[in-house]
Amino acid sequence: MGRRKKRVAVEDGLRPFREFLEREGYEVIGLSREDLNRAQAVVLSGTDDNVMNMEDITTRVPVISAEGRTPEEVKDELEARIH
């Protein structure tokens, strides 16, 4: 039986990150409330942003900032934080 893909919610404006993570075998989903409930981690452009006016949403999964980072660096952090 094959390994399940890791599911990561990625902010829409982070296209290079979305594409890189998909090539690396991640299932990349959006930031809707339903998607966030299914994600194992969230990647945002910056941790201070109120993405889509969703400040009332909390998540129990890692939230990773892509600000100032390469897609490879974000992937390395995902690998370290997703079990």
PDB file of N, CA and C in Angstrom:
ATOM      1  N   MET A   1       0.848  -1.189   0.000  1.00  0.00           N
ATOM      2  CA  MET A   1       0.000   0.000   0.000  1.00  0.00           C
ATOM      3  C   MET A   1       0.887   1.243   0.000  1.00  0.00           C
ATOM      4  N   GLY A   2       0.581   2.242  -0.841  1.00  0.00           N
ATOM      5  CA  GLY A   2       1.387   3.456  -0.968  1.00  0.00           C
ATOM      6  C   GLY A   2       1.181   4.413   0.183  1.00  0.00           C
ATOM      7  N   ARG A   3       2.139   5.318   0.325  1.00  0.00           N
ATOM      8  CA  ARG A   3       2.029   6.335   1.370  1.00  0.00           C
ATOM      9  C   ARG A   3       0.981   7.355   0.978  1.00  0.00           C
ATOM     10  N   ARG A   4       0.246   7.835   1.962  1.00  0.00           N
ATOM     11  CA  ARG A   4      -0.727   8.899   1.716  1.00  0.00           C
ATOM     12  C   ARG A   4       0.003  10.217   1.559  1.00  0.00           C
ATOM     13  N   LYS A   5      -0.489  11.026   0.647  1.00  0.00           N
ATOM     14  CA  LYS A   5       0.096  12.354   0.468  1.00  0.00           C
ATOM     15  C   LYS A   5      -0.195  13.204   1.692  1.00  0.00           C
ATOM     16  N   LYS A   6       0.761  14.046   2.021  1.00  0.00           N
ATOM     17  CA  LYS A   6       0.545  15.009   3.093  1.00  0.00           C
ATOM     18  C   LYS A   6      -0.266  16.156   2.512  1.00  0.00           C
ATOM     19  N   ARG A   7      -1.291  16.584   3.245  1.00  0.00           N
ATOM     20  CA  ARG A   7      -2.213  17.617   2.762  1.00  0.00           C
ATOM     21  C   ARG A   7      -1.885  18.949   3.421  1.00  0.00           C
ATOM     22  N   VAL A   8      -1.593  19.953   2.578  1.00  0.00           N
ATOM     23  CA  VAL A   8      -1.169  21.265   3.060  1.00  0.00           C
ATOM     24  C   VAL A   8      -2.048  22.340   2.426  1.00  0.00           C
ATOM     25  N   ALA A   9      -2.592  23.226   3.260  1.00  0.00           N
ATOM     26  CA  ALA A   9      -3.349  24.377   2.766  1.00  0.00           C
ATOM     27  C   ALA A   9      -2.358  25.502   2.498  1.00  0.00           C
ATOM     28  N   VAL A  10      -2.412  26.059   1.279  1.00  0.00           N
ATOM     29  CA  VAL A  10      -1.469  27.104   0.885  1.00  0.00           C
ATOM     30  C   VAL A  10      -2.251  28.318   0.388  1.00  0.00           C
ATOM     31  N   GLU A  11      -1.869  29.480   0.862  1.00  0.00           N
ATOM     32  CA  GLU A  11      -2.493  30.744   0.455  1.00  0.00           C
ATOM     33  C   GLU A  11      -2.422  30.897  -1.060  1.00  0.00           C
ATOM     34  N   ASP A  12      -3.487  31.409  -1.658  1.00  0.00           N
ATOM     35  CA  ASP A  12      -3.586  31.515  -3.114  1.00  0.00           C
ATOM     36  C   ASP A  12      -2.444  32.280  -3.759  1.00  0.00           C
ATOM     37  N   GLY A  13      -1.930  33.318  -3.154  1.00  0.00           N
ATOM     38  CA  GLY A  13      -0.884  34.132  -3.762  1.00  0.00           C
ATOM     39  C   GLY A  13       0.493  33.485  -3.793  1.00  0.00           C
ATOM     40  N   LEU A  14       0.619  32.279  -3.304  1.00  0.00           N
ATOM     41  CA  LEU A  14       1.919  31.616  -3.203  1.00  0.00           C
ATOM     42  C   LEU A  14       2.084  30.534  -4.272  1.00  0.00           C
ATOM     43  N   ARG A  15       1.843  30.907  -5.499  1.00  0.00           N
ATOM     44  CA  ARG A  15       1.868  29.945  -6.604  1.00  0.00           C
ATOM     45  C   ARG A  15       3.168  29.146  -6.714  1.00  0.00           C
ATOM     46  N   PRO A  16       4.349  29.777  -6.632  1.00  0.00           N
ATOM     47  CA  PRO A  16       5.584  28.977  -6.713  1.00  0.00           C
ATOM     48  C   PRO A  16       5.665  27.920  -5.609  1.00  0.00           C
ATOM     49  N   PHE A  17       5.166  28.243  -4.429  1.00  0.00           N
ATOM     50  CA  PHE A  17       5.171  27.290  -3.323  1.00  0.00           C
ATOM     51  C   PHE A  17       4.185  26.160  -3.593  1.00  0.00           C
ATOM     52  N   ARG A  18       2.996  26.522  -4.084  1.00  0.00           N
ATOM     53  CA  ARG A  18       1.983  25.502  -4.412  1.00  0.00           C
ATOM     54  C   ARG A  18       2.547  24.522  -5.428  1.00  0.00           C
ATOM     55  N   GLU A  19       3.113  25.055  -6.498  1.00  0.00           N
ATOM     56  CA  GLU A  19       3.626  24.210  -7.577  1.00  0.00           C
ATOM     57  C   GLU A  19       4.778  23.331  -7.096  1.00  0.00           C
ATOM     58  N   PHE A  20       5.700  23.890  -6.318  1.00  0.00           N
ATOM     59  CA  PHE A  20       6.828  23.121  -5.812  1.00  0.00           C
ATOM     60  C   PHE A  20       6.344  21.989  -4.909  1.00  0.00           C
ATOM     61  N   LEU A  21       5.452  22.299  -3.977  1.00  0.00           N
ATOM     62  CA  LEU A  21       4.965  21.276  -3.053  1.00  0.00           C
ATOM     63  C   LEU A  21       4.209  20.168  -3.786  1.00  0.00           C
ATOM     64  N   GLU A  22       3.441  20.528  -4.811  1.00  0.00           N
ATOM     65  CA  GLU A  22       2.753  19.507  -5.611  1.00  0.00           C
ATOM     66  C   GLU A  22       3.757  18.593  -6.304  1.00  0.00           C
ATOM     67  N   ARG A  23       4.808  19.173  -6.875  1.00  0.00           N
ATOM     68  CA  ARG A  23       5.854  18.368  -7.519  1.00  0.00           C
ATOM     69  C   ARG A  23       6.551  17.449  -6.522  1.00  0.00           C
ATOM     70  N   GLU A  24       6.615  17.882  -5.273  1.00  0.00           N
ATOM     71  CA  GLU A  24       7.272  17.097  -4.223  1.00  0.00           C
ATOM     72  C   GLU A  24       6.334  16.057  -3.602  1.00  0.00           C
ATOM     73  N   GLY A  25       5.114  15.953  -4.120  1.00  0.00           N
ATOM     74  CA  GLY A  25       4.203  14.906  -3.668  1.00  0.00           C
ATOM     75  C   GLY A  25       3.169  15.311  -2.639  1.00  0.00           C
ATOM     76  N   TYR A  26       3.075  16.595  -2.330  1.00  0.00           N
ATOM     77  CA  TYR A  26       2.061  17.068  -1.385  1.00  0.00           C
ATOM     78  C   TYR A  26       0.727  17.255  -2.095  1.00  0.00           C
ATOM     79  N   GLU A  27      -0.350  17.055  -1.369  1.00  0.00           N
ATOM     80  CA  GLU A  27      -1.670  17.446  -1.845  1.00  0.00           C
ATOM     81  C   GLU A  27      -1.875  18.873  -1.355  1.00  0.00           C
ATOM     82  N   VAL A  28      -1.978  19.817  -2.292  1.00  0.00           N
ATOM     83  CA  VAL A  28      -2.114  21.230  -1.936  1.00  0.00           C
ATOM     84  C   VAL A  28      -3.577  21.626  -2.088  1.00  0.00           C
ATOM     85  N   ILE A  29      -4.134  22.185  -1.015  1.00  0.00           N
ATOM     86  CA  ILE A  29      -5.526  22.602  -0.996  1.00  0.00           C
ATOM     87  C   ILE A  29      -5.593  24.082  -0.642  1.00  0.00           C
ATOM     88  N   GLY A  30      -6.794  24.648  -0.701  1.00  0.00           N
ATOM     89  CA  GLY A  30      -6.986  26.067  -0.433  1.00  0.00           C
ATOM     90  C   GLY A  30      -7.177  26.380   1.039  1.00  0.00           C
ATOM     91  N   LEU A  31      -7.632  27.597   1.302  1.00  0.00           N
ATOM     92  CA  LEU A  31      -7.786  28.064   2.683  1.00  0.00           C
ATOM     93  C   LEU A  31      -9.239  28.220   3.107  1.00  0.00           C
ATOM     94  N   SER A  32     -10.154  27.550   2.436  1.00  0.00           N
ATOM     95  CA  SER A  32     -11.541  27.625   2.883  1.00  0.00           C
ATOM     96  C   SER A  32     -11.666  26.944   4.240  1.00  0.00           C
ATOM     97  N   ARG A  33     -12.724  27.224   4.943  1.00  0.00           N
ATOM     98  CA  ARG A  33     -12.911  26.608   6.265  1.00  0.00           C
ATOM     99  C   ARG A  33     -12.889  25.086   6.170  1.00  0.00           C
ATOM    100  N   GLU A  34     -13.524  24.523   5.140  1.00  0.00           N
ATOM    101  CA  GLU A  34     -13.540  23.068   4.987  1.00  0.00           C
ATOM    102  C   GLU A  34     -12.134  22.530   4.730  1.00  0.00           C
ATOM    103  N   ASP A  35     -11.377  23.229   3.862  1.00  0.00           N
ATOM    104  CA  ASP A  35     -10.025  22.786   3.565  1.00  0.00           C
ATOM    105  C   ASP A  35      -9.142  22.832   4.809  1.00  0.00           C
ATOM    106  N   LEU A  36      -9.267  23.897   5.593  1.00  0.00           N
ATOM    107  CA  LEU A  36      -8.435  24.025   6.795  1.00  0.00           C
ATOM    108  C   LEU A  36      -8.681  22.882   7.768  1.00  0.00           C
ATOM    109  N   ASN A  37      -9.910  22.380   7.804  1.00  0.00           N
ATOM    110  CA  ASN A  37     -10.219  21.264   8.682  1.00  0.00           C
ATOM    111  C   ASN A  37      -9.549  19.975   8.232  1.00  0.00           C
ATOM    112  N   ARG A  38      -9.148  19.903   6.969  1.00  0.00           N
ATOM    113  CA  ARG A  38      -8.530  18.692   6.427  1.00  0.00           C
ATOM    114  C   ARG A  38      -7.013  18.800   6.315  1.00  0.00           C
ATOM    115  N   ALA A  39      -6.465  19.978   6.504  1.00  0.00           N
ATOM    116  CA  ALA A  39      -5.033  20.206   6.288  1.00  0.00           C
ATOM    117  C   ALA A  39      -4.195  19.698   7.456  1.00  0.00           C
ATOM    118  N   GLN A  40      -2.975  19.267   7.131  1.00  0.00           N
ATOM    119  CA  GLN A  40      -2.008  18.870   8.152  1.00  0.00           C
ATOM    120  C   GLN A  40      -1.075  20.025   8.508  1.00  0.00           C
ATOM    121  N   ALA A  41      -1.081  21.074   7.671  1.00  0.00           N
ATOM    122  CA  ALA A  41      -0.300  22.287   7.922  1.00  0.00           C
ATOM    123  C   ALA A  41      -0.845  23.383   7.011  1.00  0.00           C
ATOM    124  N   VAL A  42      -0.498  24.627   7.342  1.00  0.00           N
ATOM    125  CA  VAL A  42      -0.947  25.783   6.571  1.00  0.00           C
ATOM    126  C   VAL A  42       0.283  26.623   6.231  1.00  0.00           C
ATOM    127  N   VAL A  43       0.367  27.072   4.972  1.00  0.00           N
ATOM    128  CA  VAL A  43       1.464  27.942   4.540  1.00  0.00           C
ATOM    129  C   VAL A  43       0.859  29.277   4.121  1.00  0.00           C
ATOM    130  N   LEU A  44       1.324  30.358   4.759  1.00  0.00           N
ATOM    131  CA  LEU A  44       0.834  31.710   4.493  1.00  0.00           C
ATOM    132  C   LEU A  44       1.977  32.597   4.041  1.00  0.00           C
ATOM    133  N   SER A  45       1.623  33.703   3.384  1.00  0.00           N
ATOM    134  CA  SER A  45       2.659  34.633   2.922  1.00  0.00           C
ATOM    135  C   SER A  45       3.332  35.346   4.081  1.00  0.00           C
ATOM    136  N   GLY A  46       2.615  35.548   5.164  1.00  0.00           N
ATOM    137  CA  GLY A  46       3.173  36.180   6.361  1.00  0.00           C
ATOM    138  C   GLY A  46       2.277  35.897   7.542  1.00  0.00           C
ATOM    139  N   THR A  47       2.848  35.713   8.715  1.00  0.00           N
ATOM    140  CA  THR A  47       2.036  35.319   9.864  1.00  0.00           C
ATOM    141  C   THR A  47       1.182  36.444  10.426  1.00  0.00           C
ATOM    142  N   ASP A  48       1.482  37.699  10.070  1.00  0.00           N
ATOM    143  CA  ASP A  48       0.693  38.809  10.592  1.00  0.00           C
ATOM    144  C   ASP A  48      -0.517  39.138   9.726  1.00  0.00           C
ATOM    145  N   ASP A  49      -0.620  38.510   8.571  1.00  0.00           N
ATOM    146  CA  ASP A  49      -1.726  38.809   7.671  1.00  0.00           C
ATOM    147  C   ASP A  49      -3.012  38.181   8.174  1.00  0.00           C
ATOM    148  N   ASN A  50      -4.102  38.892   7.973  1.00  0.00           N
ATOM    149  CA  ASN A  50      -5.426  38.361   8.245  1.00  0.00           C
ATOM    150  C   ASN A  50      -5.959  37.863   6.909  1.00  0.00           C
ATOM    151  N   VAL A  51      -5.649  36.650   6.581  1.00  0.00           N
ATOM    152  CA  VAL A  51      -5.981  36.087   5.277  1.00  0.00           C
ATOM    153  C   VAL A  51      -7.491  35.971   5.136  1.00  0.00           C
ATOM    154  N   MET A  52      -8.014  36.591   4.110  1.00  0.00           N
ATOM    155  CA  MET A  52      -9.430  36.515   3.776  1.00  0.00           C
ATOM    156  C   MET A  52     -10.334  36.883   4.948  1.00  0.00           C
ATOM    157  N   ASN A  53      -9.885  37.798   5.828  1.00  0.00           N
ATOM    158  CA  ASN A  53     -10.667  38.214   6.991  1.00  0.00           C
ATOM    159  C   ASN A  53     -11.082  37.027   7.843  1.00  0.00           C
ATOM    160  N   MET A  54     -10.137  36.127   8.081  1.00  0.00           N
ATOM    161  CA  MET A  54     -10.443  34.891   8.799  1.00  0.00           C
ATOM    162  C   MET A  54      -9.734  34.843  10.147  1.00  0.00           C
ATOM    163  N   GLU A  55      -9.683  35.975  10.866  1.00  0.00           N
ATOM    164  CA  GLU A  55      -8.952  35.979  12.123  1.00  0.00           C
ATOM    165  C   GLU A  55      -9.623  35.131  13.187  1.00  0.00           C
ATOM    166  N   ASP A  56     -10.893  34.780  12.975  1.00  0.00           N
ATOM    167  CA  ASP A  56     -11.598  33.979  13.972  1.00  0.00           C
ATOM    168  C   ASP A  56     -11.337  32.484  13.820  1.00  0.00           C
ATOM    169  N   ILE A  57     -10.598  32.098  12.814  1.00  0.00           N
ATOM    170  CA  ILE A  57     -10.321  30.687  12.591  1.00  0.00           C
ATOM    171  C   ILE A  57      -9.079  30.288  13.378  1.00  0.00           C
ATOM    172  N   THR A  58      -9.199  29.196  14.089  1.00  0.00           N
ATOM    173  CA  THR A  58      -8.046  28.642  14.785  1.00  0.00           C
ATOM    174  C   THR A  58      -7.761  27.279  14.187  1.00  0.00           C
ATOM    175  N   THR A  59      -6.531  26.870  14.284  1.00  0.00           N
ATOM    176  CA  THR A  59      -6.144  25.584  13.749  1.00  0.00           C
ATOM    177  C   THR A  59      -5.189  24.910  14.712  1.00  0.00           C
ATOM    178  N   ARG A  60      -5.220  23.606  14.720  1.00  0.00           N
ATOM    179  CA  ARG A  60      -4.332  22.838  15.594  1.00  0.00           C
ATOM    180  C   ARG A  60      -3.130  22.304  14.830  1.00  0.00           C
ATOM    181  N   VAL A  61      -2.973  22.749  13.609  1.00  0.00           N
ATOM    182  CA  VAL A  61      -1.859  22.284  12.783  1.00  0.00           C
ATOM    183  C   VAL A  61      -0.823  23.395  12.655  1.00  0.00           C
ATOM    184  N   PRO A  62       0.401  23.047  12.276  1.00  0.00           N
ATOM    185  CA  PRO A  62       1.434  24.072  12.128  1.00  0.00           C
ATOM    186  C   PRO A  62       1.063  25.118  11.077  1.00  0.00           C
ATOM    187  N   VAL A  63       1.339  26.374  11.378  1.00  0.00           N
ATOM    188  CA  VAL A  63       1.174  27.470  10.432  1.00  0.00           C
ATOM    189  C   VAL A  63       2.575  27.975  10.121  1.00  0.00           C
ATOM    190  N   ILE A  64       2.932  27.915   8.844  1.00  0.00           N
ATOM    191  CA  ILE A  64       4.287  28.246   8.420  1.00  0.00           C
ATOM    192  C   ILE A  64       4.258  29.492   7.546  1.00  0.00           C
ATOM    193  N   SER A  65       5.111  30.445   7.858  1.00  0.00           N
ATOM    194  CA  SER A  65       5.222  31.663   7.069  1.00  0.00           C
ATOM    195  C   SER A  65       6.203  31.435   5.924  1.00  0.00           C
ATOM    196  N   ALA A  66       5.795  31.820   4.720  1.00  0.00           N
ATOM    197  CA  ALA A  66       6.667  31.720   3.549  1.00  0.00           C
ATOM    198  C   ALA A  66       7.476  32.998   3.343  1.00  0.00           C
ATOM    199  N   GLU A  67       7.208  34.008   4.152  1.00  0.00           N
ATOM    200  CA  GLU A  67       7.860  35.306   3.987  1.00  0.00           C
ATOM    201  C   GLU A  67       9.376  35.189   4.083  1.00  0.00           C
ATOM    202  N   GLY A  68      10.076  35.632   3.026  1.00  0.00           N
ATOM    203  CA  GLY A  68      11.525  35.621   3.010  1.00  0.00           C
ATOM    204  C   GLY A  68      12.150  34.241   2.848  1.00  0.00           C
ATOM    205  N   ARG A  69      11.356  33.250   2.457  1.00  0.00           N
ATOM    206  CA  ARG A  69      11.850  31.887   2.355  1.00  0.00           C
ATOM    207  C   ARG A  69      11.672  31.341   0.947  1.00  0.00           C
ATOM    208  N   THR A  70      12.461  30.330   0.644  1.00  0.00           N
ATOM    209  CA  THR A  70      12.313  29.635  -0.632  1.00  0.00           C
ATOM    210  C   THR A  70      11.312  28.490  -0.456  1.00  0.00           C
ATOM    211  N   PRO A  71      10.753  27.997  -1.556  1.00  0.00           N
ATOM    212  CA  PRO A  71       9.874  26.827  -1.445  1.00  0.00           C
ATOM    213  C   PRO A  71      10.580  25.633  -0.786  1.00  0.00           C
ATOM    214  N   GLU A  72      11.861  25.468  -1.060  1.00  0.00           N
ATOM    215  CA  GLU A  72      12.617  24.369  -0.460  1.00  0.00           C
ATOM    216  C   GLU A  72      12.700  24.511   1.065  1.00  0.00           C
ATOM    217  N   GLU A  73      12.900  25.737   1.540  1.00  0.00           N
ATOM    218  CA  GLU A  73      12.958  25.978   2.983  1.00  0.00           C
ATOM    219  C   GLU A  73      11.614  25.693   3.650  1.00  0.00           C
ATOM    220  N   VAL A  74      10.534  26.080   2.984  1.00  0.00           N
ATOM    221  CA  VAL A  74       9.200  25.802   3.519  1.00  0.00           C
ATOM    222  C   VAL A  74       8.958  24.300   3.559  1.00  0.00           C
ATOM    223  N   LYS A  75       9.352  23.596   2.506  1.00  0.00           N
ATOM    224  CA  LYS A  75       9.195  22.138   2.487  1.00  0.00           C
ATOM    225  C   LYS A  75       9.978  21.497   3.624  1.00  0.00           C
ATOM    226  N   ASP A  76      11.205  21.954   3.866  1.00  0.00           N
ATOM    227  CA  ASP A  76      12.008  21.405   4.957  1.00  0.00           C
ATOM    228  C   ASP A  76      11.297  21.581   6.303  1.00  0.00           C
ATOM    229  N   GLU A  77      10.690  22.746   6.512  1.00  0.00           N
ATOM    230  CA  GLU A  77       9.962  22.960   7.767  1.00  0.00           C
ATOM    231  C   GLU A  77       8.721  22.080   7.834  1.00  0.00           C
ATOM    232  N   LEU A  78       8.024  21.933   6.714  1.00  0.00           N
ATOM    233  CA  LEU A  78       6.865  21.031   6.694  1.00  0.00           C
ATOM    234  C   LEU A  78       7.280  19.615   7.082  1.00  0.00           C
ATOM    235  N   GLU A  79       8.372  19.149   6.497  1.00  0.00           N
ATOM    236  CA  GLU A  79       8.852  17.797   6.796  1.00  0.00           C
ATOM    237  C   GLU A  79       9.168  17.642   8.288  1.00  0.00           C
ATOM    238  N   ALA A  80       9.711  18.699   8.885  1.00  0.00           N
ATOM    239  CA  ALA A  80      10.081  18.638  10.302  1.00  0.00           C
ATOM    240  C   ALA A  80       8.861  18.706  11.221  1.00  0.00           C
ATOM    241  N   ARG A  81       7.790  19.340  10.749  1.00  0.00           N
ATOM    242  CA  ARG A  81       6.647  19.608  11.650  1.00  0.00           C
ATOM    243  C   ARG A  81       5.426  18.735  11.415  1.00  0.00           C
ATOM    244  N   ILE A  82       5.339  18.072  10.265  1.00  0.00           N
ATOM    245  CA  ILE A  82       4.194  17.188   9.997  1.00  0.00           C
ATOM    246  C   ILE A  82       4.614  15.766  10.337  1.00  0.00           C
ATOM    247  N   HIS A  83       3.824  15.120  11.142  1.00  0.00           N
ATOM    248  CA  HIS A  83       4.153  13.746  11.541  1.00  0.00           C
ATOM    249  C   HIS A  83       3.347  12.755  10.759  1.00  0.00           C
TER     250      HIS A  83
END
